[in-house]
Structures are given as C-alpha cells and as structure tokens.
Amino acid sequence: MNSQYWIIFAAILLACLMAYKPEMFIPNPKHRTPRFVAALKSIGTVVAGVLIVWLFLNLFRR
C-alpha cells in the first residue's frame, strides 16, 4: 500500500476523533463554549466525510 494512503487514513482517524470528542482539541478551558465545540464537531464530521469519499474514489477508480 502506498504511504499516501496511510497518511490519509491517519487524517481520517483524527477527523473522526475531532467529530467524536472535540474537547480534546481545545487546550484552553476558557474557550470551550458550546458554540465552539459544536463548530469543531461539524468541521471534524465534514473533513472525515470528504476524506473518506476521496479515499474510496482513489482506491476503486483504478
């Protein structure tokens, strides 16, 4: 397997972790407002979805 796919897989795992537990990505407790946590959760979900679609298109299009 190409190393590029391992990097994309690691990015998908990080994005899924951000979607599941966004509080881990906010080091300052003062910034953990519900709105900011929701924004991080949305960003993680969208990034994971885009990367998964890109990975499947890259793997199965050949």
N, C-alpha and C. Protein backbone atom coordinates (compact mmCIF):
# COMPACT_ATOMS: atom_id res chain seq x y z
N MET A 1 0.85 -1.18 0.00
CA MET A 1 0.00 0.00 0.00
C MET A 1 0.89 1.24 0.00
N ASN A 2 0.49 2.21 -0.76
CA ASN A 2 1.24 3.45 -0.87
C ASN A 2 1.19 4.21 0.47
N SER A 3 2.27 4.89 0.83
CA SER A 3 2.32 5.60 2.11
C SER A 3 1.33 6.76 2.14
N GLN A 4 0.95 7.27 0.98
CA GLN A 4 -0.03 8.35 0.93
C GLN A 4 -1.36 7.91 1.56
N TYR A 5 -1.74 6.67 1.33
CA TYR A 5 -3.00 6.17 1.88
C TYR A 5 -2.94 6.05 3.40
N TRP A 6 -1.78 5.73 3.95
CA TRP A 6 -1.64 5.67 5.40
C TRP A 6 -1.80 7.05 6.02
N ILE A 7 -1.27 8.07 5.36
CA ILE A 7 -1.40 9.43 5.86
C ILE A 7 -2.86 9.88 5.81
N ILE A 8 -3.54 9.57 4.72
CA ILE A 8 -4.96 9.91 4.61
C ILE A 8 -5.78 9.15 5.65
N PHE A 9 -5.44 7.89 5.88
CA PHE A 9 -6.14 7.10 6.90
C PHE A 9 -5.93 7.71 8.29
N ALA A 10 -4.72 8.16 8.59
CA ALA A 10 -4.45 8.82 9.87
C ALA A 10 -5.23 10.13 9.98
N ALA A 11 -5.33 10.87 8.89
CA ALA A 11 -6.11 12.12 8.89
C ALA A 11 -7.59 11.84 9.11
N ILE A 12 -8.08 10.75 8.54
CA ILE A 12 -9.49 10.36 8.75
C ILE A 12 -9.71 10.02 10.22
N LEU A 13 -8.78 9.29 10.82
CA LEU A 13 -8.92 8.95 12.24
C LEU A 13 -8.91 10.20 13.12
N LEU A 14 -8.03 11.15 12.81
CA LEU A 14 -8.01 12.40 13.58
C LEU A 14 -9.30 13.20 13.40
N ALA A 15 -9.82 13.24 12.18
CA ALA A 15 -11.06 13.97 11.93
C ALA A 15 -12.24 13.30 12.64
N CYS A 16 -12.25 11.97 12.65
CA CYS A 16 -13.31 11.25 13.37
C CYS A 16 -13.21 11.50 14.87
N LEU A 17 -11.97 11.55 15.39
CA LEU A 17 -11.78 11.85 16.80
C LEU A 17 -12.25 13.27 17.10
N MET A 18 -12.00 14.19 16.19
CA MET A 18 -12.46 15.57 16.38
C MET A 18 -13.98 15.64 16.35
N ALA A 19 -14.60 14.82 15.51
CA ALA A 19 -16.06 14.82 15.46
C ALA A 19 -16.66 14.17 16.70
N TYR A 20 -15.97 13.18 17.26
CA TYR A 20 -16.50 12.45 18.41
C TYR A 20 -16.21 13.16 19.73
N LYS A 21 -15.01 13.67 19.90
CA LYS A 21 -14.59 14.30 21.15
C LYS A 21 -13.84 15.60 20.86
N PRO A 22 -14.55 16.66 20.46
CA PRO A 22 -13.88 17.91 20.09
C PRO A 22 -13.22 18.64 21.25
N GLU A 23 -13.59 18.30 22.49
CA GLU A 23 -12.99 18.96 23.64
C GLU A 23 -11.49 18.70 23.75
N MET A 24 -11.03 17.58 23.18
CA MET A 24 -9.61 17.25 23.23
C MET A 24 -8.77 18.22 22.42
N PHE A 25 -9.36 18.89 21.46
CA PHE A 25 -8.63 19.77 20.55
C PHE A 25 -8.69 21.24 20.99
N ILE A 26 -9.22 21.50 22.17
CA ILE A 26 -9.28 22.86 22.71
C ILE A 26 -8.45 22.87 23.99
N PRO A 27 -7.19 23.31 23.92
CA PRO A 27 -6.34 23.23 25.10
C PRO A 27 -6.72 24.20 26.23
N ASN A 28 -7.30 25.34 25.90
CA ASN A 28 -7.65 26.34 26.90
C ASN A 28 -9.10 26.12 27.34
N PRO A 29 -9.33 25.79 28.61
CA PRO A 29 -10.71 25.54 29.07
C PRO A 29 -11.64 26.76 28.94
N LYS A 30 -11.08 27.96 28.91
CA LYS A 30 -11.91 29.16 28.78
C LYS A 30 -12.58 29.24 27.41
N HIS A 31 -12.01 28.58 26.42
CA HIS A 31 -12.53 28.65 25.06
C HIS A 31 -13.53 27.54 24.76
N ARG A 32 -13.82 26.69 25.73
CA ARG A 32 -14.73 25.56 25.49
C ARG A 32 -16.19 25.97 25.61
N THR A 33 -16.60 26.89 24.78
CA THR A 33 -18.00 27.28 24.76
C THR A 33 -18.78 26.27 23.94
N PRO A 34 -20.06 26.11 24.19
CA PRO A 34 -20.85 25.14 23.42
C PRO A 34 -20.84 25.41 21.92
N ARG A 35 -20.83 26.68 21.56
CA ARG A 35 -20.82 27.03 20.14
C ARG A 35 -19.50 26.62 19.47
N PHE A 36 -18.38 26.82 20.15
CA PHE A 36 -17.08 26.47 19.59
C PHE A 36 -16.92 24.95 19.51
N VAL A 37 -17.40 24.24 20.51
CA VAL A 37 -17.35 22.77 20.49
C VAL A 37 -18.20 22.24 19.34
N ALA A 38 -19.37 22.82 19.14
CA ALA A 38 -20.24 22.40 18.03
C ALA A 38 -19.58 22.69 16.68
N ALA A 39 -18.90 23.81 16.57
CA ALA A 39 -18.21 24.14 15.32
C ALA A 39 -17.10 23.14 15.04
N LEU A 40 -16.32 22.78 16.05
CA LEU A 40 -15.27 21.78 15.86
C LEU A 40 -15.84 20.42 15.49
N LYS A 41 -16.96 20.07 16.09
CA LYS A 41 -17.60 18.79 15.78
C LYS A 41 -18.06 18.78 14.32
N SER A 42 -18.61 19.88 13.86
CA SER A 42 -19.06 19.97 12.46
C SER A 42 -17.88 19.91 11.50
N ILE A 43 -16.81 20.60 11.83
CA ILE A 43 -15.62 20.58 10.97
C ILE A 43 -15.05 19.17 10.89
N GLY A 44 -14.95 18.48 12.02
CA GLY A 44 -14.44 17.12 12.03
C GLY A 44 -15.30 16.17 11.21
N THR A 45 -16.61 16.32 11.30
CA THR A 45 -17.51 15.47 10.54
C THR A 45 -17.36 15.69 9.04
N VAL A 46 -17.31 16.93 8.63
CA VAL A 46 -17.20 17.25 7.21
C VAL A 46 -15.86 16.80 6.65
N VAL A 47 -14.79 17.06 7.37
CA VAL A 47 -13.45 16.67 6.90
C VAL A 47 -13.35 15.15 6.79
N ALA A 48 -13.86 14.43 7.78
CA ALA A 48 -13.83 12.97 7.72
C ALA A 48 -14.62 12.46 6.52
N GLY A 49 -15.79 13.03 6.28
CA GLY A 49 -16.60 12.61 5.14
C GLY A 49 -15.92 12.85 3.81
N VAL A 50 -15.34 14.01 3.66
CA VAL A 50 -14.65 14.34 2.41
C VAL A 50 -13.46 13.42 2.19
N LEU A 51 -12.68 13.18 3.24
CA LEU A 51 -11.52 12.31 3.09
C LEU A 51 -11.90 10.86 2.80
N ILE A 52 -12.99 10.39 3.40
CA ILE A 52 -13.44 9.02 3.13
C ILE A 52 -13.90 8.90 1.68
N VAL A 53 -14.65 9.86 1.20
CA VAL A 53 -15.09 9.83 -0.20
C VAL A 53 -13.89 9.89 -1.14
N TRP A 54 -12.94 10.77 -0.83
CA TRP A 54 -11.75 10.89 -1.68
C TRP A 54 -10.95 9.58 -1.68
N LEU A 55 -10.82 8.95 -0.52
CA LEU A 55 -10.06 7.70 -0.43
C LEU A 55 -10.74 6.61 -1.24
N PHE A 56 -12.05 6.46 -1.11
CA PHE A 56 -12.75 5.42 -1.88
C PHE A 56 -12.70 5.68 -3.38
N LEU A 57 -12.82 6.93 -3.77
CA LEU A 57 -12.73 7.23 -5.20
C LEU A 57 -11.33 6.94 -5.73
N ASN A 58 -10.32 7.23 -4.93
CA ASN A 58 -8.95 6.97 -5.35
C ASN A 58 -8.65 5.47 -5.39
N LEU A 59 -9.17 4.72 -4.46
CA LEU A 59 -8.87 3.29 -4.40
C LEU A 59 -9.61 2.49 -5.46
N PHE A 60 -10.86 2.81 -5.71
CA PHE A 60 -11.70 1.97 -6.56
C PHE A 60 -11.86 2.49 -7.98
N ARG A 61 -11.33 3.65 -8.30
CA ARG A 61 -11.47 4.19 -9.64
C ARG A 61 -10.46 3.57 -10.59
N ARG A 62 -9.41 2.99 -10.10
CA ARG A 62 -8.37 2.45 -10.96
C ARG A 62 -8.72 1.11 -11.52
